[in-house]
Amino acid sequence: MSITVNIYYHGQNGSARAFAEEMEASGIADKIKAEEGNLRYEYFIPLKDGETILLIDSWKNQAALDTHHDSPMMKEIAALREKYDLHMEAERYTSAESDPDDDRFLRK
């Protein structure tokens, strides 16, 4: 059962986007993507809210997510959040078996 966490970073005057850009440019995002059990780590910008960045962060299981949270890298991330004065919201989802009926709504 995989775990996906959607994290919404809210800032002002472009700070959320600057945070995401620094995460990418500094290599921190690549280090997270390379961690054992990481399935996805990707930033998005909502069309109607340029002051928010959405991070979709997926992990193979809770143990992989716990290991990530216990890593020294989390201090670097926390420091960047403070630097850009970001506020956050999070949503957590666990995977379920796919429903074959859902395929009728997907264009492939």
C-alpha atoms as a PDB file:
ATOM      1  CA  MET A   1       0.000   0.000   0.000  1.00  0.00           C
ATOM      2  CA  SER A   2       1.644   3.230  -1.144  1.00  0.00           C
ATOM      3  CA  ILE A   3       1.216   6.588   0.567  1.00  0.00           C
ATOM      4  CA  THR A   4       0.829   9.929  -1.194  1.00  0.00           C
ATOM      5  CA  VAL A   5       1.011  13.229   0.630  1.00  0.00           C
ATOM      6  CA  ASN A   6      -0.102  16.415  -1.100  1.00  0.00           C
ATOM      7  CA  ILE A   7       1.540  19.387   0.539  1.00  0.00           C
ATOM      8  CA  TYR A   8       0.348  22.888  -0.293  1.00  0.00           C
ATOM      9  CA  TYR A   9       2.998  25.531   0.358  1.00  0.00           C
ATOM     10  CA  HIS A  10       1.468  28.996   0.707  1.00  0.00           C
ATOM     11  CA  GLY A  11       3.615  32.111   0.482  1.00  0.00           C
ATOM     12  CA  GLN A  12       3.618  35.718  -0.642  1.00  0.00           C
ATOM     13  CA  ASN A  13       5.309  37.611  -3.459  1.00  0.00           C
ATOM     14  CA  GLY A  14       6.471  34.449  -5.235  1.00  0.00           C
ATOM     15  CA  SER A  15       8.087  32.883  -2.176  1.00  0.00           C
ATOM     16  CA  ALA A  16       6.452  29.458  -2.633  1.00  0.00           C
ATOM     17  CA  ARG A  17       7.706  29.213  -6.204  1.00  0.00           C
ATOM     18  CA  ALA A  18      11.171  30.414  -5.128  1.00  0.00           C
ATOM     19  CA  PHE A  19      11.216  27.696  -2.456  1.00  0.00           C
ATOM     20  CA  ALA A  20      10.382  24.968  -5.013  1.00  0.00           C
ATOM     21  CA  GLU A  21      12.957  26.331  -7.448  1.00  0.00           C
ATOM     22  CA  GLU A  22      15.637  26.286  -4.721  1.00  0.00           C
ATOM     23  CA  MET A  23      14.657  22.743  -3.733  1.00  0.00           C
ATOM     24  CA  GLU A  24      15.258  21.698  -7.338  1.00  0.00           C
ATOM     25  CA  ALA A  25      18.371  23.820  -8.013  1.00  0.00           C
ATOM     26  CA  SER A  26      20.088  22.828  -4.750  1.00  0.00           C
ATOM     27  CA  GLY A  27      19.706  19.119  -5.479  1.00  0.00           C
ATOM     28  CA  ILE A  28      17.581  18.429  -2.401  1.00  0.00           C
ATOM     29  CA  ALA A  29      14.628  17.314  -4.534  1.00  0.00           C
ATOM     30  CA  ASP A  30      16.881  14.920  -6.475  1.00  0.00           C
ATOM     31  CA  LYS A  31      18.221  13.458  -3.212  1.00  0.00           C
ATOM     32  CA  ILE A  32      14.647  12.824  -2.055  1.00  0.00           C
ATOM     33  CA  LYS A  33      13.748  11.200  -5.379  1.00  0.00           C
ATOM     34  CA  ALA A  34      16.752   8.891  -4.950  1.00  0.00           C
ATOM     35  CA  GLU A  35      15.733   7.766  -1.461  1.00  0.00           C
ATOM     36  CA  GLU A  36      14.739   4.140  -1.044  1.00  0.00           C
ATOM     37  CA  GLY A  37      10.970   3.830  -1.402  1.00  0.00           C
ATOM     38  CA  ASN A  38      10.288   7.209  -3.017  1.00  0.00           C
ATOM     39  CA  LEU A  39       7.812   6.874  -5.873  1.00  0.00           C
ATOM     40  CA  ARG A  40       7.222  10.524  -6.751  1.00  0.00           C
ATOM     41  CA  TYR A  41       8.363  13.964  -5.659  1.00  0.00           C
ATOM     42  CA  GLU A  42       7.084  16.696  -7.937  1.00  0.00           C
ATOM     43  CA  TYR A  43       6.012  20.340  -7.648  1.00  0.00           C
ATOM     44  CA  PHE A  44       3.013  21.935  -9.394  1.00  0.00           C
ATOM     45  CA  ILE A  45       1.550  25.450  -9.588  1.00  0.00           C
ATOM     46  CA  PRO A  46      -2.251  25.771  -9.306  1.00  0.00           C
ATOM     47  CA  LEU A  47      -3.656  27.775 -12.216  1.00  0.00           C
ATOM     48  CA  LYS A  48      -5.762  30.060 -10.026  1.00  0.00           C
ATOM     49  CA  ASP A  49      -3.291  30.595  -7.177  1.00  0.00           C
ATOM     50  CA  GLY A  50       0.215  31.667  -8.131  1.00  0.00           C
ATOM     51  CA  GLU A  51       1.164  32.050  -4.464  1.00  0.00           C
ATOM     52  CA  THR A  52       0.771  28.329  -3.768  1.00  0.00           C
ATOM     53  CA  ILE A  53       2.911  25.380  -4.792  1.00  0.00           C
ATOM     54  CA  LEU A  54       1.593  21.823  -4.605  1.00  0.00           C
ATOM     55  CA  LEU A  55       4.050  19.039  -3.834  1.00  0.00           C
ATOM     56  CA  ILE A  56       2.949  15.504  -4.651  1.00  0.00           C
ATOM     57  CA  ASP A  57       5.121  13.222  -2.534  1.00  0.00           C
ATOM     58  CA  SER A  58       4.570   9.434  -2.828  1.00  0.00           C
ATOM     59  CA  TRP A  59       6.234   6.593  -0.950  1.00  0.00           C
ATOM     60  CA  LYS A  60       6.202   2.802  -1.215  1.00  0.00           C
ATOM     61  CA  ASN A  61       5.064   2.389   2.404  1.00  0.00           C
ATOM     62  CA  GLN A  62       5.012   4.026   5.825  1.00  0.00           C
ATOM     63  CA  ALA A  63       8.476   2.739   6.704  1.00  0.00           C
ATOM     64  CA  ALA A  64       9.993   4.530   3.687  1.00  0.00           C
ATOM     65  CA  LEU A  65       8.173   7.743   4.600  1.00  0.00           C
ATOM     66  CA  ASP A  66       9.318   7.457   8.230  1.00  0.00           C
ATOM     67  CA  THR A  67      12.930   6.985   7.107  1.00  0.00           C
ATOM     68  CA  HIS A  68      12.634  10.107   4.951  1.00  0.00           C
ATOM     69  CA  HIS A  69      11.181  12.108   7.859  1.00  0.00           C
ATOM     70  CA  ASP A  70      14.069  10.977  10.087  1.00  0.00           C
ATOM     71  CA  SER A  71      16.743  11.937   7.534  1.00  0.00           C
ATOM     72  CA  PRO A  72      19.093  14.909   8.041  1.00  0.00           C
ATOM     73  CA  MET A  73      17.654  16.353   4.828  1.00  0.00           C
ATOM     74  CA  MET A  74      14.485  17.319   6.720  1.00  0.00           C
ATOM     75  CA  LYS A  75      16.477  20.006   8.576  1.00  0.00           C
ATOM     76  CA  GLU A  76      17.499  21.498   5.228  1.00  0.00           C
ATOM     77  CA  ILE A  77      13.894  21.488   4.044  1.00  0.00           C
ATOM     78  CA  ALA A  78      12.680  23.068   7.296  1.00  0.00           C
ATOM     79  CA  ALA A  79      15.329  25.799   6.980  1.00  0.00           C
ATOM     80  CA  LEU A  80      14.161  26.613   3.447  1.00  0.00           C
ATOM     81  CA  ARG A  81      10.529  26.724   4.585  1.00  0.00           C
ATOM     82  CA  GLU A  82      11.547  29.264   7.229  1.00  0.00           C
ATOM     83  CA  LYS A  83      13.669  31.229   4.755  1.00  0.00           C
ATOM     84  CA  TYR A  84      10.651  31.685   2.485  1.00  0.00           C
ATOM     85  CA  ASP A  85       8.141  32.065   5.358  1.00  0.00           C
ATOM     86  CA  LEU A  86       5.858  29.352   4.018  1.00  0.00           C
ATOM     87  CA  HIS A  87       2.691  28.013   5.590  1.00  0.00           C
ATOM     88  CA  MET A  88       1.489  24.521   4.771  1.00  0.00           C
ATOM     89  CA  GLU A  89      -1.526  22.285   4.454  1.00  0.00           C
ATOM     90  CA  ALA A  90      -1.311  18.542   3.875  1.00  0.00           C
ATOM     91  CA  GLU A  91      -3.566  15.792   2.591  1.00  0.00           C
ATOM     92  CA  ARG A  92      -2.662  12.136   2.963  1.00  0.00           C
ATOM     93  CA  TYR A  93      -3.875   9.283   0.753  1.00  0.00           C
ATOM     94  CA  THR A  94      -3.231   5.566   0.691  1.00  0.00           C
ATOM     95  CA  SER A  95      -3.492   3.456  -2.418  1.00  0.00           C
ATOM     96  CA  ALA A  96      -6.356   1.102  -3.015  1.00  0.00           C
ATOM     97  CA  GLU A  97      -6.961  -1.546  -5.617  1.00  0.00           C
ATOM     98  CA  SER A  98      -8.041   0.045  -8.857  1.00  0.00           C
ATOM     99  CA  ASP A  99     -11.629  -0.387  -9.969  1.00  0.00           C
ATOM    100  CA  PRO A 100     -11.908  -1.673 -13.550  1.00  0.00           C
ATOM    101  CA  ASP A 101     -14.978   0.549 -14.019  1.00  0.00           C
ATOM    102  CA  ASP A 102     -12.730   3.600 -13.612  1.00  0.00           C
ATOM    103  CA  ASP A 103     -11.016   2.752 -16.899  1.00  0.00           C
ATOM    104  CA  ARG A 104     -14.084   3.769 -18.859  1.00  0.00           C
ATOM    105  CA  PHE A 105     -13.433   7.394 -17.818  1.00  0.00           C
ATOM    106  CA  LEU A 106      -9.782   7.400 -18.866  1.00  0.00           C
ATOM    107  CA  ARG A 107      -8.688   8.241 -22.354  1.00  0.00           C
ATOM    108  CA  LYS A 108      -5.508   6.326 -23.121  1.00  0.00           C
END
